[in-house]
Amino acid sequence: MKLHLYTESLALTLAAIASAITEITTIAAAQKPAQAPVGKIVASIPFDPKVDGFEFANWGNERDDRRDLSAGDLIRMFGTKAVYKSPGTTPANCVVKASARGWMNENLEAMNGGHCEGMAVACLRMKNAEPLKGRRDDRRKSRH
């Protein structure tokens, strides 16, 4: 009987302590000011993905991805002459060349598993007006 009372008393004491700790932690968290970031920024680039990035996010094959790559993106990568069959003032009123449309469709298909980091590199290179260099596969005929 004494052991049962001791166990019950101990359990109640531990519960009271746990409750007090929770109460103290809650009060302390409510009174604690937000901590300012510490440290020194050692590298930064003026790149805003919403402004300088492509018009698509990185995801797999969960949805229809036909809108992931636009004629506007192709113009940024290859220039107007490589993309448009007929002249116009905007992507909406120009006819895209079959070769550009084929390249776009081929790459949309390749992106079914997710968009690779190469696209991020391409965005940064275009922002910095650097050429998009790459290895050419001589076994394959270029469409452009």
N, C-alpha and C. Protein backbone atom coordinates (compact mmCIF):
# COMPACT_ATOMS: atom_id res chain seq x y z
N MET A 1 0.81 -1.17 0.00
CA MET A 1 0.00 0.00 0.00
C MET A 1 0.87 1.26 0.00
N LYS A 2 1.94 1.24 0.84
CA LYS A 2 2.82 2.40 0.88
C LYS A 2 3.50 2.61 -0.47
N LEU A 3 3.89 1.52 -1.14
CA LEU A 3 4.54 1.62 -2.45
C LEU A 3 3.58 2.23 -3.47
N HIS A 4 2.32 1.84 -3.41
CA HIS A 4 1.33 2.38 -4.33
C HIS A 4 1.15 3.89 -4.11
N LEU A 5 1.07 4.33 -2.85
CA LEU A 5 0.94 5.75 -2.53
C LEU A 5 2.19 6.52 -2.97
N TYR A 6 3.36 5.91 -2.75
CA TYR A 6 4.62 6.54 -3.17
C TYR A 6 4.64 6.71 -4.68
N THR A 7 4.27 5.67 -5.42
CA THR A 7 4.27 5.72 -6.88
C THR A 7 3.29 6.76 -7.37
N GLU A 8 2.11 6.79 -6.77
CA GLU A 8 1.09 7.76 -7.17
C GLU A 8 1.56 9.18 -6.85
N SER A 9 2.17 9.38 -5.72
CA SER A 9 2.69 10.69 -5.33
C SER A 9 3.80 11.14 -6.27
N LEU A 10 4.68 10.21 -6.62
CA LEU A 10 5.78 10.51 -7.54
C LEU A 10 5.23 10.89 -8.92
N ALA A 11 4.24 10.15 -9.39
CA ALA A 11 3.64 10.44 -10.69
C ALA A 11 3.01 11.82 -10.70
N LEU A 12 2.30 12.17 -9.63
CA LEU A 12 1.67 13.49 -9.54
C LEU A 12 2.72 14.60 -9.48
N THR A 13 3.80 14.35 -8.76
CA THR A 13 4.88 15.34 -8.66
C THR A 13 5.53 15.55 -10.02
N LEU A 14 5.82 14.46 -10.72
CA LEU A 14 6.43 14.57 -12.06
C LEU A 14 5.50 15.29 -13.03
N ALA A 15 4.22 15.00 -12.94
CA ALA A 15 3.25 15.68 -13.81
C ALA A 15 3.21 17.17 -13.51
N ALA A 16 3.27 17.53 -12.23
CA ALA A 16 3.27 18.94 -11.84
C ALA A 16 4.52 19.65 -12.34
N ILE A 17 5.66 18.97 -12.23
CA ILE A 17 6.93 19.54 -12.72
C ILE A 17 6.87 19.73 -14.23
N ALA A 18 6.39 18.73 -14.95
CA ALA A 18 6.28 18.82 -16.41
C ALA A 18 5.36 19.97 -16.80
N SER A 19 4.25 20.11 -16.10
CA SER A 19 3.31 21.19 -16.38
C SER A 19 3.96 22.55 -16.13
N ALA A 20 4.72 22.65 -15.04
CA ALA A 20 5.40 23.91 -14.71
C ALA A 20 6.44 24.25 -15.76
N ILE A 21 7.19 23.25 -16.20
CA ILE A 21 8.22 23.48 -17.23
C ILE A 21 7.56 23.95 -18.52
N THR A 22 6.46 23.31 -18.90
CA THR A 22 5.75 23.72 -20.11
C THR A 22 5.27 25.16 -19.99
N GLU A 23 4.72 25.51 -18.85
CA GLU A 23 4.23 26.87 -18.62
C GLU A 23 5.37 27.89 -18.70
N ILE A 24 6.48 27.58 -18.06
CA ILE A 24 7.64 28.48 -18.07
C ILE A 24 8.19 28.63 -19.49
N THR A 25 8.28 27.53 -20.22
CA THR A 25 8.78 27.57 -21.59
C THR A 25 7.86 28.41 -22.47
N THR A 26 6.57 28.25 -22.31
CA THR A 26 5.60 29.02 -23.10
C THR A 26 5.72 30.51 -22.81
N ILE A 27 5.83 30.87 -21.54
CA ILE A 27 5.97 32.28 -21.16
C ILE A 27 7.28 32.84 -21.69
N ALA A 28 8.36 32.09 -21.55
CA ALA A 28 9.67 32.56 -22.02
C ALA A 28 9.67 32.74 -23.53
N ALA A 29 9.05 31.82 -24.25
CA ALA A 29 9.01 31.92 -25.71
C ALA A 29 8.21 33.14 -26.15
N ALA A 30 7.14 33.44 -25.44
CA ALA A 30 6.30 34.59 -25.79
C ALA A 30 7.03 35.91 -25.52
N GLN A 31 7.91 35.94 -24.54
CA GLN A 31 8.61 37.17 -24.17
C GLN A 31 9.93 37.34 -24.89
N LYS A 32 10.44 36.27 -25.48
CA LYS A 32 11.75 36.32 -26.12
C LYS A 32 11.64 37.06 -27.46
N PRO A 33 12.45 38.11 -27.64
CA PRO A 33 12.41 38.82 -28.93
C PRO A 33 13.02 37.95 -30.03
N ALA A 34 12.61 38.23 -31.25
CA ALA A 34 13.16 37.49 -32.39
C ALA A 34 14.66 37.75 -32.48
N GLN A 35 15.40 36.71 -32.71
CA GLN A 35 16.85 36.83 -32.78
C GLN A 35 17.26 37.37 -34.14
N ALA A 36 18.07 38.39 -34.13
CA ALA A 36 18.57 38.95 -35.38
C ALA A 36 19.59 37.99 -35.99
N PRO A 37 19.63 37.92 -37.31
CA PRO A 37 20.62 37.06 -37.95
C PRO A 37 22.03 37.48 -37.55
N VAL A 38 22.88 36.51 -37.36
CA VAL A 38 24.27 36.81 -37.02
C VAL A 38 25.17 36.34 -38.14
N GLY A 39 26.32 36.90 -38.20
CA GLY A 39 27.28 36.51 -39.22
C GLY A 39 27.40 37.57 -40.30
N LYS A 40 28.32 37.34 -41.17
CA LYS A 40 28.63 38.29 -42.22
C LYS A 40 28.35 37.64 -43.57
N ILE A 41 27.65 38.34 -44.44
CA ILE A 41 27.43 37.84 -45.79
C ILE A 41 28.74 38.00 -46.55
N VAL A 42 29.25 36.90 -47.06
CA VAL A 42 30.55 36.95 -47.73
C VAL A 42 30.43 36.89 -49.25
N ALA A 43 29.27 36.51 -49.75
CA ALA A 43 29.08 36.45 -51.20
C ALA A 43 27.62 36.69 -51.52
N SER A 44 27.38 37.43 -52.56
CA SER A 44 26.01 37.70 -52.98
C SER A 44 26.03 38.07 -54.45
N ILE A 45 24.97 37.71 -55.15
CA ILE A 45 24.86 38.10 -56.55
C ILE A 45 23.51 38.80 -56.74
N PRO A 46 23.46 39.77 -57.63
CA PRO A 46 22.19 40.47 -57.87
C PRO A 46 21.31 39.65 -58.81
N PHE A 47 20.76 38.54 -58.32
CA PHE A 47 19.94 37.65 -59.13
C PHE A 47 18.64 37.38 -58.40
N ASP A 48 17.53 37.73 -59.04
CA ASP A 48 16.21 37.48 -58.47
C ASP A 48 15.53 36.45 -59.35
N PRO A 49 15.30 35.23 -58.84
CA PRO A 49 14.69 34.19 -59.67
C PRO A 49 13.35 34.58 -60.28
N LYS A 50 12.57 35.41 -59.58
CA LYS A 50 11.27 35.82 -60.13
C LYS A 50 11.42 36.74 -61.32
N VAL A 51 12.49 37.51 -61.34
CA VAL A 51 12.74 38.45 -62.43
C VAL A 51 13.65 37.84 -63.48
N ASP A 52 14.72 37.20 -63.04
CA ASP A 52 15.77 36.73 -63.94
C ASP A 52 15.63 35.26 -64.33
N GLY A 53 14.73 34.54 -63.71
CA GLY A 53 14.61 33.11 -63.97
C GLY A 53 13.65 32.78 -65.10
N PHE A 54 13.52 31.49 -65.37
CA PHE A 54 12.57 31.02 -66.36
C PHE A 54 11.16 31.09 -65.79
N GLU A 55 10.19 30.86 -66.63
CA GLU A 55 8.79 30.96 -66.21
C GLU A 55 8.25 29.63 -65.72
N PHE A 56 9.08 28.79 -65.12
CA PHE A 56 8.61 27.51 -64.61
C PHE A 56 9.38 27.14 -63.36
N ALA A 57 8.78 26.28 -62.56
CA ALA A 57 9.41 25.80 -61.33
C ALA A 57 9.99 24.42 -61.57
N ASN A 58 10.67 23.88 -60.58
CA ASN A 58 11.25 22.55 -60.70
C ASN A 58 10.30 21.52 -60.10
N TRP A 59 9.77 20.67 -60.93
CA TRP A 59 8.92 19.58 -60.46
C TRP A 59 9.04 18.42 -61.42
N GLY A 60 8.49 17.31 -61.04
CA GLY A 60 8.53 16.12 -61.89
C GLY A 60 7.33 16.07 -62.81
N ASN A 61 6.83 14.90 -63.05
CA ASN A 61 5.78 14.67 -64.03
C ASN A 61 4.39 14.68 -63.38
N GLU A 62 4.16 15.55 -62.40
CA GLU A 62 2.89 15.55 -61.68
C GLU A 62 1.79 16.30 -62.41
N ARG A 63 2.12 17.07 -63.41
CA ARG A 63 1.10 17.88 -64.08
C ARG A 63 1.48 18.10 -65.54
N ASP A 64 0.56 18.71 -66.28
CA ASP A 64 0.84 19.04 -67.67
C ASP A 64 1.91 20.12 -67.71
N ASP A 65 3.01 19.81 -68.37
CA ASP A 65 4.15 20.75 -68.37
C ASP A 65 4.31 21.51 -69.68
N ARG A 66 3.32 21.53 -70.52
CA ARG A 66 3.44 22.20 -71.82
C ARG A 66 3.65 23.70 -71.69
N ARG A 67 3.31 24.28 -70.55
CA ARG A 67 3.48 25.72 -70.36
C ARG A 67 4.80 26.04 -69.67
N ASP A 68 5.62 25.04 -69.41
CA ASP A 68 6.86 25.24 -68.67
C ASP A 68 7.93 26.00 -69.46
N LEU A 69 7.85 25.96 -70.75
CA LEU A 69 8.85 26.59 -71.60
C LEU A 69 8.09 27.36 -72.66
N SER A 70 8.35 28.65 -72.78
CA SER A 70 7.59 29.49 -73.70
C SER A 70 8.47 30.00 -74.84
N ALA A 71 7.83 30.58 -75.84
CA ALA A 71 8.57 31.21 -76.93
C ALA A 71 9.45 32.33 -76.38
N GLY A 72 8.97 33.01 -75.35
CA GLY A 72 9.79 34.05 -74.72
C GLY A 72 11.08 33.50 -74.14
N ASP A 73 10.99 32.30 -73.53
CA ASP A 73 12.20 31.65 -73.00
C ASP A 73 13.16 31.30 -74.13
N LEU A 74 12.61 30.80 -75.25
CA LEU A 74 13.47 30.45 -76.39
C LEU A 74 14.18 31.67 -76.94
N ILE A 75 13.48 32.79 -77.01
CA ILE A 75 14.09 34.03 -77.49
C ILE A 75 15.24 34.45 -76.58
N ARG A 76 15.04 34.34 -75.27
CA ARG A 76 16.11 34.69 -74.33
C ARG A 76 17.32 33.80 -74.51
N MET A 77 17.08 32.53 -74.86
CA MET A 77 18.20 31.60 -75.01
C MET A 77 18.87 31.69 -76.37
N PHE A 78 18.08 31.83 -77.44
CA PHE A 78 18.63 31.70 -78.79
C PHE A 78 18.51 32.95 -79.65
N GLY A 79 17.73 33.92 -79.24
CA GLY A 79 17.54 35.12 -80.03
C GLY A 79 16.32 35.02 -80.95
N THR A 80 15.82 36.18 -81.36
CA THR A 80 14.59 36.25 -82.16
C THR A 80 14.71 35.54 -83.49
N LYS A 81 15.81 35.72 -84.20
CA LYS A 81 15.96 35.12 -85.53
C LYS A 81 15.92 33.60 -85.50
N ALA A 82 16.44 33.00 -84.45
CA ALA A 82 16.46 31.54 -84.35
C ALA A 82 15.08 30.98 -83.99
N VAL A 83 14.21 31.80 -83.43
CA VAL A 83 12.93 31.30 -82.92
C VAL A 83 11.76 31.61 -83.85
N TYR A 84 11.70 32.83 -84.39
CA TYR A 84 10.51 33.24 -85.14
C TYR A 84 10.62 32.99 -86.64
N LYS A 85 9.54 32.48 -87.18
CA LYS A 85 9.42 32.26 -88.62
C LYS A 85 8.96 33.56 -89.29
N SER A 86 8.04 34.26 -88.62
CA SER A 86 7.55 35.53 -89.15
C SER A 86 7.79 36.62 -88.12
N PRO A 87 8.06 37.83 -88.58
CA PRO A 87 8.33 38.91 -87.64
C PRO A 87 7.06 39.35 -86.92
N GLY A 88 7.25 39.90 -85.76
CA GLY A 88 6.16 40.44 -84.95
C GLY A 88 6.77 41.23 -83.82
N THR A 89 5.94 41.73 -82.97
CA THR A 89 6.45 42.54 -81.87
C THR A 89 6.46 41.82 -80.53
N THR A 90 5.68 40.76 -80.41
CA THR A 90 5.62 40.01 -79.16
C THR A 90 5.56 38.51 -79.45
N PRO A 91 5.87 37.67 -78.46
CA PRO A 91 5.74 36.22 -78.66
C PRO A 91 4.31 35.81 -79.04
N ALA A 92 3.33 36.59 -78.63
CA ALA A 92 1.94 36.25 -78.92
C ALA A 92 1.57 36.44 -80.39
N ASN A 93 2.23 37.37 -81.09
CA ASN A 93 1.84 37.61 -82.48
C ASN A 93 2.89 37.18 -83.50
N CYS A 94 3.77 36.28 -83.12
CA CYS A 94 4.79 35.75 -84.03
C CYS A 94 4.56 34.25 -84.23
N VAL A 95 5.00 33.76 -85.37
CA VAL A 95 4.93 32.32 -85.65
C VAL A 95 6.28 31.71 -85.32
N VAL A 96 6.28 30.70 -84.46
CA VAL A 96 7.52 30.04 -84.04
C VAL A 96 7.94 29.05 -85.11
N LYS A 97 9.24 29.02 -85.42
CA LYS A 97 9.79 28.06 -86.39
C LYS A 97 9.56 26.64 -85.92
N ALA A 98 9.39 25.74 -86.88
CA ALA A 98 9.19 24.32 -86.54
C ALA A 98 10.40 23.78 -85.78
N SER A 99 11.59 24.22 -86.15
CA SER A 99 12.80 23.73 -85.46
C SER A 99 12.81 24.18 -84.00
N ALA A 100 12.40 25.42 -83.75
CA ALA A 100 12.35 25.93 -82.37
C ALA A 100 11.26 25.21 -81.58
N ARG A 101 10.10 25.02 -82.20
CA ARG A 101 9.00 24.30 -81.54
C ARG A 101 9.43 22.86 -81.24
N GLY A 102 10.14 22.22 -82.19
CA GLY A 102 10.63 20.85 -81.97
C GLY A 102 11.62 20.79 -80.82
N TRP A 103 12.54 21.74 -80.75
CA TRP A 103 13.50 21.78 -79.65
C TRP A 103 12.77 21.96 -78.33
N MET A 104 11.79 22.87 -78.32
CA MET A 104 11.04 23.13 -77.10
C MET A 104 10.29 21.87 -76.66
N ASN A 105 9.62 21.19 -77.58
CA ASN A 105 8.88 19.97 -77.23
C ASN A 105 9.81 18.87 -76.74
N GLU A 106 10.96 18.74 -77.37
CA GLU A 106 11.94 17.73 -76.96
C GLU A 106 12.42 17.99 -75.53
N ASN A 107 12.67 19.24 -75.22
CA ASN A 107 13.16 19.57 -73.88
C ASN A 107 12.05 19.51 -72.83
N LEU A 108 10.83 19.83 -73.23
CA LEU A 108 9.71 19.65 -72.30
C LEU A 108 9.57 18.18 -71.93
N GLU A 109 9.73 17.30 -72.90
CA GLU A 109 9.67 15.86 -72.65
C GLU A 109 10.81 15.43 -71.72
N ALA A 110 11.99 15.97 -71.94
CA ALA A 110 13.14 15.61 -71.10
C ALA A 110 12.98 16.10 -69.67
N MET A 111 12.18 17.14 -69.47
CA MET A 111 11.98 17.70 -68.13
C MET A 111 10.92 16.96 -67.33
N ASN A 112 10.37 15.89 -67.86
CA ASN A 112 9.34 15.15 -67.13
C ASN A 112 9.81 14.67 -65.77
N GLY A 113 11.09 14.41 -65.61
CA GLY A 113 11.62 13.95 -64.33
C GLY A 113 12.06 15.08 -63.42
N GLY A 114 11.88 16.32 -63.82
CA GLY A 114 12.32 17.47 -63.05
C GLY A 114 13.25 18.32 -63.90
N HIS A 115 13.34 19.56 -63.58
CA HIS A 115 14.18 20.48 -64.35
C HIS A 115 15.58 20.48 -63.73
N CYS A 116 16.56 20.37 -64.53
CA CYS A 116 17.92 20.23 -64.01
C CYS A 116 18.53 21.58 -63.62
N GLU A 117 19.60 21.50 -62.87
CA GLU A 117 20.26 22.73 -62.43
C GLU A 117 20.90 23.47 -63.59
N GLY A 118 21.04 22.81 -64.72
CA GLY A 118 21.57 23.49 -65.90
C GLY A 118 20.71 24.67 -66.32
N MET A 119 19.42 24.58 -66.07
CA MET A 119 18.54 25.69 -66.40
C MET A 119 18.83 26.89 -65.48
N ALA A 120 19.16 26.62 -64.24
CA ALA A 120 19.52 27.70 -63.32
C ALA A 120 20.81 28.37 -63.78
N VAL A 121 21.75 27.57 -64.23
CA VAL A 121 23.01 28.11 -64.74
C VAL A 121 22.74 28.95 -65.98
N ALA A 122 21.86 28.46 -66.86
CA ALA A 122 21.53 29.20 -68.07
C ALA A 122 20.90 30.56 -67.72
N CYS A 123 20.03 30.60 -66.73
CA CYS A 123 19.41 31.87 -66.30
C CYS A 123 20.48 32.87 -65.87
N LEU A 124 21.40 32.40 -65.06
CA LEU A 124 22.44 33.29 -64.56
C LEU A 124 23.34 33.77 -65.70
N ARG A 125 23.67 32.87 -66.62
CA ARG A 125 24.52 33.27 -67.75
C ARG A 125 23.80 34.29 -68.63
N MET A 126 22.50 34.09 -68.85
CA MET A 126 21.76 35.05 -69.67
C MET A 126 21.68 36.40 -68.96
N LYS A 127 21.46 36.39 -67.65
CA LYS A 127 21.41 37.65 -66.90
C LYS A 127 22.73 38.39 -67.01
N ASN A 128 23.81 37.65 -66.95
CA ASN A 128 25.14 38.26 -67.02
C ASN A 128 25.61 38.48 -68.45
N ALA A 129 24.73 38.21 -69.42
CA ALA A 129 25.04 38.36 -70.85
C ALA A 129 26.25 37.54 -71.25
N GLU A 130 26.38 36.35 -70.68
CA GLU A 130 27.47 35.44 -71.05
C GLU A 130 26.95 34.45 -72.08
N PRO A 131 27.79 34.04 -73.02
CA PRO A 131 27.33 33.08 -74.02
C PRO A 131 27.00 31.73 -73.39
N LEU A 132 26.03 31.05 -73.97
CA LEU A 132 25.64 29.72 -73.50
C LEU A 132 26.50 28.69 -74.22
N LYS A 133 27.66 28.43 -73.67
CA LYS A 133 28.59 27.48 -74.28
C LYS A 133 28.19 26.06 -73.93
N GLY A 134 28.49 25.16 -74.82
CA GLY A 134 28.20 23.76 -74.55
C GLY A 134 28.96 22.89 -75.53
N ARG A 135 29.00 21.61 -75.24
CA ARG A 135 29.64 20.68 -76.17
C ARG A 135 28.65 20.32 -77.25
N ARG A 136 29.10 20.30 -78.45
CA ARG A 136 28.24 19.91 -79.55
C ARG A 136 28.42 18.42 -79.80
N ASP A 137 27.31 17.75 -79.97
CA ASP A 137 27.34 16.33 -80.29
C ASP A 137 27.32 16.22 -81.81
N ASP A 138 28.47 15.96 -82.42
CA ASP A 138 28.57 15.92 -83.88
C ASP A 138 27.81 14.75 -84.50
N ARG A 139 27.42 13.77 -83.68
CA ARG A 139 26.68 12.64 -84.22
C ARG A 139 25.23 13.01 -84.51
N ARG A 140 24.79 14.10 -83.99
CA ARG A 140 23.39 14.49 -84.16
C ARG A 140 23.31 15.76 -84.98
N LYS A 141 22.42 15.78 -85.92
CA LYS A 141 22.25 16.98 -86.74
C LYS A 141 21.56 18.06 -85.93
N SER A 142 22.02 19.28 -86.07
CA SER A 142 21.41 20.40 -85.37
C SER A 142 20.11 20.78 -86.06
N ARG A 143 19.14 21.15 -85.28
CA ARG A 143 17.87 21.59 -85.85
C ARG A 143 17.89 23.09 -86.13
N HIS A 144 18.91 23.78 -85.71
CA HIS A 144 18.90 25.24 -85.81
C HIS A 144 19.86 25.72 -86.86
